[in-house]
């Protein structure tokens, strides 16, 4: 869990820096789209790890 949280914090820090540096609406939109893709990728990986953990626990109970 801590790894996921630290990765989210890194993503948000990158996004905040990109917003501060943005000089146009287009660059703001691009920063958001990159941020969203990073979040989706990280969440997908995180959920996959949790499902694997659940499946492993289920096998122990059988």
Protein backbone atom coordinates (compact mmCIF):
# COMPACT_ATOMS: atom_id res chain seq x y z
CA UNK A 1 0.00 0.00 0.00
CA UNK A 2 2.71 2.48 0.86
CA UNK A 3 4.23 1.97 -2.55
CA UNK A 4 0.93 2.83 -4.25
CA UNK A 5 0.50 5.92 -2.08
CA UNK A 6 4.01 7.16 -2.79
CA UNK A 7 3.51 6.64 -6.52
CA UNK A 8 0.24 8.63 -6.39
CA UNK A 9 2.09 11.43 -4.59
CA UNK A 10 4.76 11.43 -7.30
CA UNK A 11 2.11 11.62 -10.03
CA UNK A 12 0.39 14.53 -8.29
CA UNK A 13 3.67 16.39 -7.80
CA UNK A 14 4.46 16.04 -11.53
CA UNK A 15 0.94 17.26 -12.38
CA UNK A 16 1.18 20.27 -10.05
CA UNK A 17 4.54 21.25 -11.58
CA UNK A 18 3.13 20.93 -15.09
CA UNK A 19 0.16 23.15 -14.17
CA UNK A 20 2.45 25.79 -12.69
CA UNK A 21 4.61 25.80 -15.84
CA UNK A 22 1.67 25.86 -18.25
CA UNK A 23 1.44 28.92 -20.46
CA UNK A 24 -1.64 27.98 -22.48
CA UNK A 25 -4.93 26.14 -22.28
CA UNK A 26 -3.55 23.46 -24.56
CA UNK A 27 -0.63 22.76 -22.24
CA UNK A 28 -3.05 22.55 -19.28
CA UNK A 29 -5.19 20.04 -21.17
CA UNK A 30 -2.13 18.00 -22.07
CA UNK A 31 -0.93 18.01 -18.45
CA UNK A 32 -4.34 16.76 -17.36
CA UNK A 33 -4.51 14.02 -19.98
CA UNK A 34 -1.01 12.76 -19.06
CA UNK A 35 -1.99 12.88 -15.37
CA UNK A 36 -5.19 10.95 -16.03
CA UNK A 37 -3.37 8.27 -18.03
CA UNK A 38 -0.77 7.91 -15.26
CA UNK A 39 -3.55 7.47 -12.70
CA UNK A 40 -5.40 4.91 -14.81
CA UNK A 41 -2.22 2.91 -15.41
CA UNK A 42 -1.30 2.94 -11.73
CA UNK A 43 -4.81 2.04 -10.58
CA UNK A 44 -5.00 -0.85 -13.04
CA UNK A 45 -1.71 -2.23 -11.74
CA UNK A 46 -2.76 -1.73 -8.12
CA UNK A 47 -6.07 -3.52 -8.60
CA UNK A 48 -4.34 -6.37 -10.41
CA UNK A 49 -2.01 -6.80 -7.41
CA UNK A 50 -4.97 -6.78 -5.01
CA UNK A 51 -6.86 -9.40 -7.05
CA UNK A 52 -3.76 -11.62 -7.00
CA UNK A 53 -3.57 -11.21 -3.23
CA UNK A 54 -7.26 -12.12 -2.86
CA UNK A 55 -6.90 -15.18 -5.11
CA UNK A 56 -3.89 -16.33 -3.11
CA UNK A 57 -5.85 -15.98 0.15
CA UNK A 58 -8.78 -17.92 -1.35
CA UNK A 59 -6.47 -20.81 -2.29
CA UNK A 60 -5.21 -20.99 1.28
CA UNK A 61 -8.78 -21.33 2.54
CA UNK A 62 -9.59 -24.26 0.25
